Protein backbone atom coordinates (compact mmCIF):
# COMPACT_ATOMS: atom_id res chain seq x y z
CA UNK A 1 6.66 12.60 -12.10
CA UNK A 2 6.02 14.77 -8.84
CA UNK A 3 6.45 12.77 -5.69
CA UNK A 4 2.86 13.31 -3.76
CA UNK A 5 3.26 13.75 0.10
CA UNK A 6 0.46 12.98 2.66
CA UNK A 7 -0.26 16.86 3.10
CA UNK A 8 -1.29 16.73 -0.88
CA UNK A 9 -3.82 14.05 -0.15
CA UNK A 10 -5.22 15.76 2.72
CA UNK A 11 -8.41 18.59 2.40
CA UNK A 12 -7.36 22.16 2.66
CA UNK A 13 -9.63 23.93 5.03
CA UNK A 14 -10.53 27.18 5.60
CA UNK A 15 -10.00 29.09 9.14
CA UNK A 16 -14.05 28.93 9.44
CA UNK A 17 -14.01 25.10 8.73
CA UNK A 18 -11.22 24.20 11.40
CA UNK A 19 -13.00 25.79 13.77
CA UNK A 20 -16.36 23.51 13.08
CA UNK A 21 -13.66 20.80 13.61
CA UNK A 22 -12.33 21.58 16.57
CA UNK A 23 -15.64 22.34 17.95
CA UNK A 24 -16.83 18.75 16.93
CA UNK A 25 -13.98 17.21 18.06
CA UNK A 26 -13.92 18.70 21.42
CA UNK A 27 -17.17 17.51 21.63
CA UNK A 28 -16.49 14.06 20.90
CA UNK A 29 -13.72 13.87 23.39
CA UNK A 30 -16.26 15.22 25.98
CA UNK A 31 -18.91 12.46 25.20
CA UNK A 32 -16.96 9.60 24.26
CA UNK A 33 -13.81 9.31 26.29
CA UNK A 34 -11.66 5.87 26.59
CA UNK A 35 -13.78 4.85 23.56
CA UNK A 36 -13.35 3.85 19.67
CA UNK A 37 -15.79 5.77 17.83
CA UNK A 38 -16.34 5.53 14.35
CA UNK A 39 -17.81 9.04 12.50
CA UNK A 40 -18.74 10.83 9.46
CA UNK A 41 -18.14 14.16 8.60
CA UNK A 42 -20.65 15.77 5.98
CA UNK A 43 -20.04 19.18 4.70
CA UNK A 44 -22.80 22.03 3.62
CA UNK A 45 -20.19 24.66 2.73
CA UNK A 46 -18.55 25.63 6.09
CA UNK A 47 -21.18 23.84 7.92
CA UNK A 48 -20.16 20.59 9.64
CA UNK A 49 -22.27 17.91 10.51
CA UNK A 50 -20.47 15.05 12.43
CA UNK A 51 -22.33 11.90 12.87
CA UNK A 52 -21.24 8.97 15.01
CA UNK A 53 -22.04 5.51 13.66
CA UNK A 54 -20.18 3.71 16.04
CA UNK A 55 -18.95 3.91 19.89
CA UNK A 56 -17.39 1.23 22.12
CA UNK A 57 -14.61 0.76 24.45
CA UNK A 58 -14.07 -2.88 23.07
CA UNK A 59 -11.88 -3.34 20.06
CA UNK A 60 -13.49 -6.51 19.31
CA UNK A 61 -16.95 -5.09 19.24
CA UNK A 62 -16.01 -1.98 17.20
CA UNK A 63 -14.73 -4.38 14.23
CA UNK A 64 -18.09 -6.01 14.56
CA UNK A 65 -20.12 -2.88 14.43
CA UNK A 66 -17.82 -1.24 11.83
CA UNK A 67 -18.50 -4.65 9.41
CA UNK A 68 -22.13 -4.28 10.44
CA UNK A 69 -22.42 -0.65 8.35
CA UNK A 70 -23.54 -0.73 4.91
CA UNK A 71 -20.73 -0.79 2.56
CA UNK A 72 -21.17 3.11 1.34
CA UNK A 73 -20.79 4.32 5.21
CA UNK A 74 -17.94 2.08 5.74
CA UNK A 75 -15.95 3.79 2.78
CA UNK A 76 -16.52 7.44 3.93
CA UNK A 77 -16.24 6.69 7.98
CA UNK A 78 -13.12 7.92 9.81
CA UNK A 79 -12.20 6.12 12.99
CA UNK A 80 -10.43 7.19 16.20
CA UNK A 81 -9.37 6.15 19.93
CA UNK A 82 -10.26 8.84 22.36
CA UNK A 83 -8.05 9.47 25.24
CA UNK A 84 -9.50 8.60 28.84
CA UNK A 85 -10.62 11.94 30.21
CA UNK A 86 -8.19 11.73 33.03
CA UNK A 87 -5.38 11.67 30.38
CA UNK A 88 -3.23 13.94 28.74
CA UNK A 89 -3.66 14.66 25.11
CA UNK A 90 -1.83 16.26 22.88
CA UNK A 91 -4.76 17.28 20.85
CA UNK A 92 -6.69 18.78 23.96
CA UNK A 93 -3.53 21.29 24.07
CA UNK A 94 -4.65 22.81 20.55
CA UNK A 95 -8.31 23.26 21.31
CA UNK A 96 -8.09 25.82 24.18
C-alpha cells in the first residue's frame, strides 16, 4: 500500500487560483494584524470568495467563538494567527 504525504492531501491550485489566494491572504494580513482569524474559502472555478467568521487577539475568545459556530461551518473553517503589522513574516516575502 502506498504511503501518502501531506502534499498528496493538499488541493492542487492553478496559477490563477494561487494569485487569488495571495490577494486574499494579503488583504487579511492588512485588515487583521496580530489576530487569530477563522475563515472560509469558497471557490467558483477560479474565483475565490473568502468569508472571515471569527477574529480576535484573545486565544480564549477565539476558541469560544469557534465553539459557537454551526457544526457545518466548524468542519470547513480554516484558522491562522496573523503576524503583527510590524513583524517580519516569511509569507509576506512571497507576496511581493
